Amino acid sequence: MGSTANERDYDRTGAKTMVERRGNVRRPTHAIFTARFEPSQMMGGGRDISRSGAYFVTSDELKLEVAYDKDGREVRAPAKIVRIEQLSPGTFGIAVQFERRLHEQELP
């Protein structure tokens, strides 16, 4: 029998084994985000290719500006993409890291 993810989060003494790496607390938001990509190019080494796609590895960052509404005004924040995951066919989750920490008043 395999253990569940929750059981793996703790060792036999009950101590939490998962380490939270985020430096800031997340909170839910329903803000609509707009991403404006900076003109750039990415270079990297290919790992594999087929007739329908390719996979390559790069150390280049994909920079963008994220914008959202905060009490009727647009807040803009320079950022870089740190993760993209396909949640379902045609739907993606995109994690960005802001170039600077946002002030509490800037959060939606």
PDB file of N, CA and C in Angstrom:
ATOM      1  N   MET A   1       0.829  -1.178   0.000  1.00  0.00           N
ATOM      2  CA  MET A   1       0.000   0.000   0.000  1.00  0.00           C
ATOM      3  C   MET A   1       0.876   1.244   0.000  1.00  0.00           C
ATOM      4  N   GLY A   2       0.532   2.174  -0.881  1.00  0.00           N
ATOM      5  CA  GLY A   2       1.281   3.416  -0.929  1.00  0.00           C
ATOM      6  C   GLY A   2       0.735   4.414   0.072  1.00  0.00           C
ATOM      7  N   SER A   3       1.586   5.327   0.478  1.00  0.00           N
ATOM      8  CA  SER A   3       1.129   6.355   1.408  1.00  0.00           C
ATOM      9  C   SER A   3       0.574   7.532   0.615  1.00  0.00           C
ATOM     10  N   THR A   4      -0.288   8.298   1.236  1.00  0.00           N
ATOM     11  CA  THR A   4      -0.839   9.473   0.578  1.00  0.00           C
ATOM     12  C   THR A   4       0.138  10.623   0.708  1.00  0.00           C
ATOM     13  N   ALA A   5      -0.097  11.671  -0.087  1.00  0.00           N
ATOM     14  CA  ALA A   5       0.779  12.848  -0.029  1.00  0.00           C
ATOM     15  C   ALA A   5       0.781  13.446   1.376  1.00  0.00           C
ATOM     16  N   ASN A   6      -0.363  13.436   2.056  1.00  0.00           N
ATOM     17  CA  ASN A   6      -0.424  14.004   3.405  1.00  0.00           C
ATOM     18  C   ASN A   6       0.425  13.208   4.382  1.00  0.00           C
ATOM     19  N   GLU A   7       0.435  11.871   4.255  1.00  0.00           N
ATOM     20  CA  GLU A   7       1.258  11.045   5.140  1.00  0.00           C
ATOM     21  C   GLU A   7       2.739  11.291   4.887  1.00  0.00           C
ATOM     22  N   ARG A   8       3.106  11.567   3.644  1.00  0.00           N
ATOM     23  CA  ARG A   8       4.512  11.799   3.316  1.00  0.00           C
ATOM     24  C   ARG A   8       4.993  13.157   3.794  1.00  0.00           C
ATOM     25  N   ASP A   9       4.075  14.056   4.156  1.00  0.00           N
ATOM     26  CA  ASP A   9       4.461  15.381   4.618  1.00  0.00           C
ATOM     27  C   ASP A   9       5.017  15.367   6.037  1.00  0.00           C
ATOM     28  N   TYR A  10       4.870  14.227   6.736  1.00  0.00           N
ATOM     29  CA  TYR A  10       5.300  14.131   8.132  1.00  0.00           C
ATOM     30  C   TYR A  10       6.169  12.898   8.325  1.00  0.00           C
ATOM     31  N   ASP A  11       7.170  12.989   9.213  1.00  0.00           N
ATOM     32  CA  ASP A  11       7.980  11.806   9.506  1.00  0.00           C
ATOM     33  C   ASP A  11       7.320  10.999  10.620  1.00  0.00           C
ATOM     34  N   ARG A  12       7.960   9.917  11.073  1.00  0.00           N
ATOM     35  CA  ARG A  12       7.341   9.021  12.054  1.00  0.00           C
ATOM     36  C   ARG A  12       7.116   9.674  13.412  1.00  0.00           C
ATOM     37  N   THR A  13       7.812  10.787  13.682  1.00  0.00           N
ATOM     38  CA  THR A  13       7.610  11.488  14.953  1.00  0.00           C
ATOM     39  C   THR A  13       6.463  12.496  14.864  1.00  0.00           C
ATOM     40  N   GLY A  14       5.940  12.699  13.668  1.00  0.00           N
ATOM     41  CA  GLY A  14       4.872  13.678  13.478  1.00  0.00           C
ATOM     42  C   GLY A  14       5.385  15.042  13.064  1.00  0.00           C
ATOM     43  N   ALA A  15       6.710  15.170  12.905  1.00  0.00           N
ATOM     44  CA  ALA A  15       7.278  16.456  12.487  1.00  0.00           C
ATOM     45  C   ALA A  15       7.027  16.668  10.996  1.00  0.00           C
ATOM     46  N   LYS A  16       6.733  17.889  10.632  1.00  0.00           N
ATOM     47  CA  LYS A  16       6.474  18.215   9.236  1.00  0.00           C
ATOM     48  C   LYS A  16       7.779  18.117   8.450  1.00  0.00           C
ATOM     49  N   THR A  17       7.749  17.395   7.328  1.00  0.00           N
ATOM     50  CA  THR A  17       8.959  17.207   6.527  1.00  0.00           C
ATOM     51  C   THR A  17       8.985  18.098   5.292  1.00  0.00           C
ATOM     52  N   MET A  18       7.833  18.630   4.881  1.00  0.00           N
ATOM     53  CA  MET A  18       7.788  19.512   3.720  1.00  0.00           C
ATOM     54  C   MET A  18       8.264  20.894   4.151  1.00  0.00           C
ATOM     55  N   VAL A  19       9.146  21.490   3.360  1.00  0.00           N
ATOM     56  CA  VAL A  19       9.666  22.813   3.659  1.00  0.00           C
ATOM     57  C   VAL A  19       9.009  23.807   2.716  1.00  0.00           C
ATOM     58  N   GLU A  20       8.400  24.827   3.264  1.00  0.00           N
ATOM     59  CA  GLU A  20       7.785  25.876   2.456  1.00  0.00           C
ATOM     60  C   GLU A  20       8.887  26.807   1.976  1.00  0.00           C
ATOM     61  N   ARG A  21       9.021  26.934   0.658  1.00  0.00           N
ATOM     62  CA  ARG A  21      10.093  27.741   0.105  1.00  0.00           C
ATOM     63  C   ARG A  21       9.650  29.159  -0.227  1.00  0.00           C
ATOM     64  N   ARG A  22       8.363  29.423  -0.220  1.00  0.00           N
ATOM     65  CA  ARG A  22       7.882  30.754  -0.556  1.00  0.00           C
ATOM     66  C   ARG A  22       8.186  31.707   0.593  1.00  0.00           C
ATOM     67  N   GLY A  23       8.666  32.882   0.250  1.00  0.00           N
ATOM     68  CA  GLY A  23       8.972  33.873   1.262  1.00  0.00           C
ATOM     69  C   GLY A  23       7.772  34.725   1.643  1.00  0.00           C
ATOM     70  N   ASN A  24       6.669  34.616   0.911  1.00  0.00           N
ATOM     71  CA  ASN A  24       5.503  35.441   1.161  1.00  0.00           C
ATOM     72  C   ASN A  24       4.252  34.575   1.187  1.00  0.00           C
ATOM     73  N   VAL A  25       3.285  34.983   1.970  1.00  0.00           N
ATOM     74  CA  VAL A  25       2.038  34.258   2.092  1.00  0.00           C
ATOM     75  C   VAL A  25       1.186  34.497   0.847  1.00  0.00           C
ATOM     76  N   ARG A  26       0.628  33.435   0.295  1.00  0.00           N
ATOM     77  CA  ARG A  26      -0.289  33.558  -0.839  1.00  0.00           C
ATOM     78  C   ARG A  26      -1.686  33.808  -0.330  1.00  0.00           C
ATOM     79  N   ARG A  27      -2.456  34.543  -1.121  1.00  0.00           N
ATOM     80  CA  ARG A  27      -3.864  34.705  -0.798  1.00  0.00           C
ATOM     81  C   ARG A  27      -4.663  34.616  -2.085  1.00  0.00           C
ATOM     82  N   PRO A  28      -5.880  34.138  -2.007  1.00  0.00           N
ATOM     83  CA  PRO A  28      -6.683  33.972  -3.217  1.00  0.00           C
ATOM     84  C   PRO A  28      -6.997  35.317  -3.869  1.00  0.00           C
ATOM     85  N   THR A  29      -7.148  35.307  -5.181  1.00  0.00           N
ATOM     86  CA  THR A  29      -7.547  36.500  -5.918  1.00  0.00           C
ATOM     87  C   THR A  29      -8.389  36.081  -7.104  1.00  0.00           C
ATOM     88  N   HIS A  30      -9.278  36.951  -7.499  1.00  0.00           N
ATOM     89  CA  HIS A  30     -10.081  36.738  -8.698  1.00  0.00           C
ATOM     90  C   HIS A  30      -9.780  37.821  -9.718  1.00  0.00           C
ATOM     91  N   ALA A  31      -8.653  38.509  -9.532  1.00  0.00           N
ATOM     92  CA  ALA A  31      -8.257  39.581 -10.445  1.00  0.00           C
ATOM     93  C   ALA A  31      -8.030  39.016 -11.844  1.00  0.00           C
ATOM     94  N   ILE A  32      -8.303  39.823 -12.853  1.00  0.00           N
ATOM     95  CA  ILE A  32      -8.014  39.469 -14.239  1.00  0.00           C
ATOM     96  C   ILE A  32      -6.625  40.006 -14.561  1.00  0.00           C
ATOM     97  N   PHE A  33      -5.728  39.132 -14.994  1.00  0.00           N
ATOM     98  CA  PHE A  33      -4.351  39.519 -15.294  1.00  0.00           C
ATOM     99  C   PHE A  33      -4.142  39.655 -16.794  1.00  0.00           C
ATOM    100  N   THR A  34      -3.348  40.621 -17.179  1.00  0.00           N
ATOM    101  CA  THR A  34      -2.909  40.800 -18.555  1.00  0.00           C
ATOM    102  C   THR A  34      -1.389  40.683 -18.559  1.00  0.00           C
ATOM    103  N   ALA A  35      -0.842  39.925 -19.505  1.00  0.00           N
ATOM    104  CA  ALA A  35       0.615  39.772 -19.624  1.00  0.00           C
ATOM    105  C   ALA A  35       1.077  40.438 -20.902  1.00  0.00           C
ATOM    106  N   ARG A  36       2.055  41.321 -20.780  1.00  0.00           N
ATOM    107  CA  ARG A  36       2.660  41.983 -21.938  1.00  0.00           C
ATOM    108  C   ARG A  36       4.108  41.520 -22.008  1.00  0.00           C
ATOM    109  N   PHE A  37       4.426  40.789 -23.066  1.00  0.00           N
ATOM    110  CA  PHE A  37       5.765  40.214 -23.189  1.00  0.00           C
ATOM    111  C   PHE A  37       6.724  41.220 -23.789  1.00  0.00           C
ATOM    112  N   GLU A  38       7.932  41.237 -23.238  1.00  0.00           N
ATOM    113  CA  GLU A  38       8.993  42.073 -23.776  1.00  0.00           C
ATOM    114  C   GLU A  38       9.529  41.406 -25.043  1.00  0.00           C
ATOM    115  N   PRO A  39       9.886  42.203 -26.036  1.00  0.00           N
ATOM    116  CA  PRO A  39      10.504  41.591 -27.221  1.00  0.00           C
ATOM    117  C   PRO A  39      11.800  40.894 -26.809  1.00  0.00           C
ATOM    118  N   SER A  40      11.897  39.627 -27.129  1.00  0.00           N
ATOM    119  CA  SER A  40      13.098  38.883 -26.767  1.00  0.00           C
ATOM    120  C   SER A  40      13.172  37.609 -27.588  1.00  0.00           C
ATOM    121  N   GLN A  41      14.262  36.936 -27.447  1.00  0.00           N
ATOM    122  CA  GLN A  41      14.414  35.621 -28.042  1.00  0.00           C
ATOM    123  C   GLN A  41      14.984  34.699 -26.989  1.00  0.00           C
ATOM    124  N   MET A  42      14.741  33.413 -27.158  1.00  0.00           N
ATOM    125  CA  MET A  42      15.274  32.427 -26.237  1.00  0.00           C
ATOM    126  C   MET A  42      16.074  31.423 -27.049  1.00  0.00           C
ATOM    127  N   MET A  43      17.226  31.050 -26.526  1.00  0.00           N
ATOM    128  CA  MET A  43      18.042  30.032 -27.175  1.00  0.00           C
ATOM    129  C   MET A  43      18.261  28.901 -26.191  1.00  0.00           C
ATOM    130  N   GLY A  44      18.324  27.692 -26.703  1.00  0.00           N
ATOM    131  CA  GLY A  44      18.570  26.566 -25.831  1.00  0.00           C
ATOM    132  C   GLY A  44      18.912  25.324 -26.615  1.00  0.00           C
ATOM    133  N   GLY A  45      19.364  24.324 -25.903  1.00  0.00           N
ATOM    134  CA  GLY A  45      19.735  23.061 -26.511  1.00  0.00           C
ATOM    135  C   GLY A  45      18.540  22.134 -26.623  1.00  0.00           C
ATOM    136  N   GLY A  46      18.389  21.512 -27.770  1.00  0.00           N
ATOM    137  CA  GLY A  46      17.280  20.596 -27.987  1.00  0.00           C
ATOM    138  C   GLY A  46      17.465  19.286 -27.248  1.00  0.00           C
ATOM    139  N   ARG A  47      16.354  18.764 -26.725  1.00  0.00           N
ATOM    140  CA  ARG A  47      16.375  17.450 -26.094  1.00  0.00           C
ATOM    141  C   ARG A  47      15.710  16.423 -26.988  1.00  0.00           C
ATOM    142  N   ASP A  48      14.550  16.765 -27.541  1.00  0.00           N
ATOM    143  CA  ASP A  48      13.909  15.863 -28.493  1.00  0.00           C
ATOM    144  C   ASP A  48      12.956  16.640 -29.398  1.00  0.00           C
ATOM    145  N   ILE A  49      12.600  16.014 -30.515  1.00  0.00           N
ATOM    146  CA  ILE A  49      11.722  16.650 -31.491  1.00  0.00           C
ATOM    147  C   ILE A  49      10.892  15.579 -32.188  1.00  0.00           C
ATOM    148  N   SER A  50       9.682  15.956 -32.548  1.00  0.00           N
ATOM    149  CA  SER A  50       8.819  15.085 -33.339  1.00  0.00           C
ATOM    150  C   SER A  50       8.122  15.951 -34.380  1.00  0.00           C
ATOM    151  N   ARG A  51       7.249  15.361 -35.150  1.00  0.00           N
ATOM    152  CA  ARG A  51       6.530  16.130 -36.161  1.00  0.00           C
ATOM    153  C   ARG A  51       5.516  17.082 -35.522  1.00  0.00           C
ATOM    154  N   SER A  52       5.178  16.865 -34.259  1.00  0.00           N
ATOM    155  CA  SER A  52       4.163  17.708 -33.630  1.00  0.00           C
ATOM    156  C   SER A  52       4.696  18.624 -32.524  1.00  0.00           C
ATOM    157  N   GLY A  53       5.977  18.554 -32.207  1.00  0.00           N
ATOM    158  CA  GLY A  53       6.510  19.429 -31.163  1.00  0.00           C
ATOM    159  C   GLY A  53       7.962  19.171 -30.875  1.00  0.00           C
ATOM    160  N   ALA A  54       8.505  19.973 -29.978  1.00  0.00           N
ATOM    161  CA  ALA A  54       9.917  19.841 -29.601  1.00  0.00           C
ATOM    162  C   ALA A  54      10.075  20.227 -28.141  1.00  0.00           C
ATOM    163  N   TYR A  55      11.150  19.773 -27.548  1.00  0.00           N
ATOM    164  CA  TYR A  55      11.494  20.117 -26.174  1.00  0.00           C
ATOM    165  C   TYR A  55      12.928  20.604 -26.183  1.00  0.00           C
ATOM    166  N   PHE A  56      13.153  21.793 -25.610  1.00  0.00           N
ATOM    167  CA  PHE A  56      14.517  22.290 -25.487  1.00  0.00           C
ATOM    168  C   PHE A  56      14.710  22.903 -24.117  1.00  0.00           C
ATOM    169  N   VAL A  57      15.962  23.043 -23.725  1.00  0.00           N
ATOM    170  CA  VAL A  57      16.321  23.554 -22.409  1.00  0.00           C
ATOM    171  C   VAL A  57      17.045  24.883 -22.600  1.00  0.00           C
ATOM    172  N   THR A  58      16.672  25.870 -21.788  1.00  0.00           N
ATOM    173  CA  THR A  58      17.295  27.182 -21.895  1.00  0.00           C
ATOM    174  C   THR A  58      17.557  27.755 -20.510  1.00  0.00           C
ATOM    175  N   SER A  59      18.523  28.636 -20.429  1.00  0.00           N
ATOM    176  CA  SER A  59      18.742  29.380 -19.192  1.00  0.00           C
ATOM    177  C   SER A  59      18.252  30.821 -19.365  1.00  0.00           C
ATOM    178  N   ASP A  60      17.721  31.143 -20.557  1.00  0.00           N
ATOM    179  CA  ASP A  60      17.176  32.474 -20.804  1.00  0.00           C
ATOM    180  C   ASP A  60      15.854  32.633 -20.057  1.00  0.00           C
ATOM    181  N   GLU A  61      15.591  33.841 -19.589  1.00  0.00           N
ATOM    182  CA  GLU A  61      14.339  34.123 -18.888  1.00  0.00           C
ATOM    183  C   GLU A  61      13.355  34.768 -19.845  1.00  0.00           C
ATOM    184  N   LEU A  62      12.093  34.431 -19.673  1.00  0.00           N
ATOM    185  CA  LEU A  62      11.028  35.032 -20.461  1.00  0.00           C
ATOM    186  C   LEU A  62      10.413  36.139 -19.606  1.00  0.00           C
ATOM    187  N   LYS A  63      10.766  37.393 -19.926  1.00  0.00           N
ATOM    188  CA  LYS A  63      10.319  38.535 -19.130  1.00  0.00           C
ATOM    189  C   LYS A  63       9.019  39.090 -19.685  1.00  0.00           C
ATOM    190  N   LEU A  64       8.231  39.653 -18.786  1.00  0.00           N
ATOM    191  CA  LEU A  64       6.958  40.236 -19.169  1.00  0.00           C
ATOM    192  C   LEU A  64       6.557  41.273 -18.140  1.00  0.00           C
ATOM    193  N   GLU A  65       5.492  41.991 -18.445  1.00  0.00           N
ATOM    194  CA  GLU A  65       4.883  42.896 -17.489  1.00  0.00           C
ATOM    195  C   GLU A  65       3.482  42.371 -17.214  1.00  0.00           C
ATOM    196  N   VAL A  66       3.142  42.238 -15.947  1.00  0.00           N
ATOM    197  CA  VAL A  66       1.827  41.774 -15.534  1.00  0.00           C
ATOM    198  C   VAL A  66       1.023  42.997 -15.114  1.00  0.00           C
ATOM    199  N   ALA A  67      -0.230  43.063 -15.552  1.00  0.00           N
ATOM    200  CA  ALA A  67      -1.114  44.163 -15.168  1.00  0.00           C
ATOM    201  C   ALA A  67      -2.432  43.595 -14.658  1.00  0.00           C
ATOM    202  N   TYR A  68      -2.999  44.269 -13.654  1.00  0.00           N
ATOM    203  CA  TYR A  68      -4.298  43.887 -13.116  1.00  0.00           C
ATOM    204  C   TYR A  68      -4.946  45.126 -12.499  1.00  0.00           C
ATOM    205  N   ASP A  69      -6.250  45.037 -12.249  1.00  0.00           N
ATOM    206  CA  ASP A  69      -7.008  46.152 -11.709  1.00  0.00           C
ATOM    207  C   ASP A  69      -7.002  46.112 -10.182  1.00  0.00           C
ATOM    208  N   LYS A  70      -6.749  47.246  -9.567  1.00  0.00           N
ATOM    209  CA  LYS A  70      -6.796  47.384  -8.104  1.00  0.00           C
ATOM    210  C   LYS A  70      -7.630  48.614  -7.802  1.00  0.00           C
ATOM    211  N   ASP A  71      -8.858  48.403  -7.376  1.00  0.00           N
ATOM    212  CA  ASP A  71      -9.762  49.500  -7.015  1.00  0.00           C
ATOM    213  C   ASP A  71      -9.903  50.523  -8.139  1.00  0.00           C
ATOM    214  N   GLY A  72     -10.079  50.043  -9.364  1.00  0.00           N
ATOM    215  CA  GLY A  72     -10.319  50.937 -10.494  1.00  0.00           C
ATOM    216  C   GLY A  72      -9.082  51.502 -11.158  1.00  0.00           C
ATOM    217  N   ARG A  73      -7.918  51.148 -10.696  1.00  0.00           N
ATOM    218  CA  ARG A  73      -6.690  51.606 -11.366  1.00  0.00           C
ATOM    219  C   ARG A  73      -5.837  50.400 -11.740  1.00  0.00           C
ATOM    220  N   GLU A  74      -5.100  50.563 -12.832  1.00  0.00           N
ATOM    221  CA  GLU A  74      -4.258  49.465 -13.304  1.00  0.00           C
ATOM    222  C   GLU A  74      -2.933  49.459 -12.557  1.00  0.00           C
ATOM    223  N   VAL A  75      -2.576  48.295 -12.033  1.00  0.00           N
ATOM    224  CA  VAL A  75      -1.276  48.096 -11.401  1.00  0.00           C
ATOM    225  C   VAL A  75      -0.433  47.299 -12.381  1.00  0.00           C
ATOM    226  N   ARG A  76       0.785  47.749 -12.629  1.00  0.00           N
ATOM    227  CA  ARG A  76       1.717  47.048 -13.521  1.00  0.00           C
ATOM    228  C   ARG A  76       2.938  46.614 -12.725  1.00  0.00           C
ATOM    229  N   ALA A  77       3.402  45.402 -13.019  1.00  0.00           N
ATOM    230  CA  ALA A  77       4.565  44.873 -12.306  1.00  0.00           C
ATOM    231  C   ALA A  77       5.437  44.074 -13.259  1.00  0.00           C
ATOM    232  N   PRO A  78       6.704  44.462 -13.415  1.00  0.00           N
ATOM    233  CA  PRO A  78       7.623  43.658 -14.213  1.00  0.00           C
ATOM    234  C   PRO A  78       7.823  42.299 -13.549  1.00  0.00           C
ATOM    235  N   ALA A  79       7.913  41.242 -14.360  1.00  0.00           N
ATOM    236  CA  ALA A  79       8.010  39.887 -13.813  1.00  0.00           C
ATOM    237  C   ALA A  79       8.732  38.983 -14.800  1.00  0.00           C
ATOM    238  N   LYS A  80       8.950  37.741 -14.381  1.00  0.00           N
ATOM    239  CA  LYS A  80       9.478  36.706 -15.268  1.00  0.00           C
ATOM    240  C   LYS A  80       8.683  35.437 -15.012  1.00  0.00           C
ATOM    241  N   ILE A  81       8.517  34.641 -16.045  1.00  0.00           N
ATOM    242  CA  ILE A  81       7.798  33.373 -15.915  1.00  0.00           C
ATOM    243  C   ILE A  81       8.713  32.371 -15.239  1.00  0.00           C
ATOM    244  N   VAL A  82       8.202  31.707 -14.207  1.00  0.00           N
ATOM    245  CA  VAL A  82       8.984  30.690 -13.508  1.00  0.00           C
ATOM    246  C   VAL A  82       8.421  29.287 -13.692  1.00  0.00           C
ATOM    247  N   ARG A  83       7.145  29.182 -14.132  1.00  0.00           N
ATOM    248  CA  ARG A  83       6.572  27.857 -14.364  1.00  0.00           C
ATOM    249  C   ARG A  83       5.321  27.986 -15.218  1.00  0.00           C
ATOM    250  N   ILE A  84       5.154  27.046 -16.136  1.00  0.00           N
ATOM    251  CA  ILE A  84       3.926  26.923 -16.916  1.00  0.00           C
ATOM    252  C   ILE A  84       3.505  25.466 -16.832  1.00  0.00           C
ATOM    253  N   GLU A  85       2.235  25.235 -16.508  1.00  0.00           N
ATOM    254  CA  GLU A  85       1.745  23.865 -16.453  1.00  0.00           C
ATOM    255  C   GLU A  85       0.397  23.785 -17.156  1.00  0.00           C
ATOM    256  N   GLN A  86       0.188  22.698 -17.877  1.00  0.00           N
ATOM    257  CA  GLN A  86      -1.087  22.486 -18.537  1.00  0.00           C
ATOM    258  C   GLN A  86      -2.039  21.853 -17.537  1.00  0.00           C
ATOM    259  N   LEU A  87      -3.129  22.552 -17.231  1.00  0.00           N
ATOM    260  CA  LEU A  87      -4.095  22.067 -16.259  1.00  0.00           C
ATOM    261  C   LEU A  87      -5.098  21.121 -16.902  1.00  0.00           C
ATOM    262  N   SER A  88      -5.446  21.403 -18.136  1.00  0.00           N
ATOM    263  CA  SER A  88      -6.331  20.562 -18.937  1.00  0.00           C
ATOM    264  C   SER A  88      -6.108  20.981 -20.384  1.00  0.00           C
ATOM    265  N   PRO A  89      -6.604  20.233 -21.350  1.00  0.00           N
ATOM    266  CA  PRO A  89      -6.391  20.639 -22.746  1.00  0.00           C
ATOM    267  C   PRO A  89      -6.887  22.068 -22.985  1.00  0.00           C
ATOM    268  N   GLY A  90      -5.980  22.929 -23.395  1.00  0.00           N
ATOM    269  CA  GLY A  90      -6.320  24.311 -23.695  1.00  0.00           C
ATOM    270  C   GLY A  90      -6.330  25.249 -22.503  1.00  0.00           C
ATOM    271  N   THR A  91      -6.009  24.769 -21.303  1.00  0.00           N
ATOM    272  CA  THR A  91      -5.985  25.608 -20.105  1.00  0.00           C
ATOM    273  C   THR A  91      -4.632  25.463 -19.411  1.00  0.00           C
ATOM    274  N   PHE A  92      -3.996  26.612 -19.119  1.00  0.00           N
ATOM    275  CA  PHE A  92      -2.656  26.612 -18.551  1.00  0.00           C
ATOM    276  C   PHE A  92      -2.595  27.451 -17.287  1.00  0.00           C
ATOM    277  N   GLY A  93      -1.780  27.034 -16.351  1.00  0.00           N
ATOM    278  CA  GLY A  93      -1.456  27.828 -15.174  1.00  0.00           C
ATOM    279  C   GLY A  93      -0.083  28.426 -15.386  1.00  0.00           C
ATOM    280  N   ILE A  94       0.077  29.699 -15.101  1.00  0.00           N
ATOM    281  CA  ILE A  94       1.355  30.380 -15.307  1.00  0.00           C
ATOM    282  C   ILE A  94       1.766  31.034 -13.994  1.00  0.00           C
ATOM    283  N   ALA A  95       2.941  30.670 -13.493  1.00  0.00           N
ATOM    284  CA  ALA A  95       3.483  31.273 -12.278  1.00  0.00           C
ATOM    285  C   ALA A  95       4.540  32.291 -12.672  1.00  0.00           C
ATOM    286  N   VAL A  96       4.425  33.493 -12.127  1.00  0.00           N
ATOM    287  CA  VAL A  96       5.408  34.535 -12.397  1.00  0.00           C
ATOM    288  C   VAL A  96       6.039  34.986 -11.090  1.00  0.00           C
ATOM    289  N   GLN A  97       7.256  35.479 -11.195  1.00  0.00           N
ATOM    290  CA  GLN A  97       7.949  36.071 -10.047  1.00  0.00           C
ATOM    291  C   GLN A  97       8.135  37.548 -10.358  1.00  0.00           C
ATOM    292  N   PHE A  98       7.624  38.410  -9.477  1.00  0.00           N
ATOM    293  CA  PHE A  98       7.774  39.840  -9.686  1.00  0.00           C
ATOM    294  C   PHE A  98       9.231  40.241  -9.489  1.00  0.00           C
ATOM    295  N   GLU A  99       9.667  41.259 -10.242  1.00  0.00           N
ATOM    296  CA  GLU A  99      11.048  41.725 -10.113  1.00  0.00           C
ATOM    297  C   GLU A  99      11.284  42.449  -8.786  1.00  0.00           C
ATOM    298  N   ARG A 100      10.203  42.905  -8.166  1.00  0.00           N
ATOM    299  CA  ARG A 100      10.308  43.534  -6.848  1.00  0.00           C
ATOM    300  C   ARG A 100       9.112  43.068  -6.020  1.00  0.00           C
ATOM    301  N   ARG A 101       9.261  43.105  -4.712  1.00  0.00           N
ATOM    302  CA  ARG A 101       8.133  42.762  -3.834  1.00  0.00           C
ATOM    303  C   ARG A 101       7.082  43.849  -3.935  1.00  0.00           C
ATOM    304  N   LEU A 102       5.842  43.451  -4.112  1.00  0.00           N
ATOM    305  CA  LEU A 102       4.762  44.425  -4.196  1.00  0.00           C
ATOM    306  C   LEU A 102       4.371  44.895  -2.803  1.00  0.00           C
ATOM    307  N   HIS A 103       3.947  46.145  -2.703  1.00  0.00           N
ATOM    308  CA  HIS A 103       3.429  46.673  -1.446  1.00  0.00           C
ATOM    309  C   HIS A 103       2.045  46.083  -1.203  1.00  0.00           C
ATOM    310  N   GLU A 104       1.669  45.946   0.027  1.00  0.00           N
ATOM    311  CA  GLU A 104       0.355  45.405   0.386  1.00  0.00           C
ATOM    312  C   GLU A 104      -0.767  46.162  -0.334  1.00  0.00           C
ATOM    313  N   GLN A 105      -0.622  47.472  -0.474  1.00  0.00           N
ATOM    314  CA  GLN A 105      -1.646  48.307  -1.110  1.00  0.00           C
ATOM    315  C   GLN A 105      -1.767  48.024  -2.612  1.00  0.00           C
ATOM    316  N   GLU A 106      -0.777  47.377  -3.217  1.00  0.00           N
ATOM    317  CA  GLU A 106      -0.825  47.076  -4.648  1.00  0.00           C
ATOM    318  C   GLU A 106      -1.548  45.755  -4.941  1.00  0.00           C
ATOM    319  N   LEU A 107      -1.776  44.948  -3.934  1.00  0.00           N
ATOM    320  CA  LEU A 107      -2.395  43.637  -4.145  1.00  0.00           C
ATOM    321  C   LEU A 107      -3.901  43.770  -4.338  1.00  0.00           C
ATOM    322  N   PRO A 108      -4.465  43.005  -5.290  1.00  0.00           N
ATOM    323  CA  PRO A 108      -5.920  43.068  -5.502  1.00  0.00           C
ATOM    324  C   PRO A 108      -6.692  42.404  -4.373  1.00  0.00           C
TER     325      PRO A 108
END
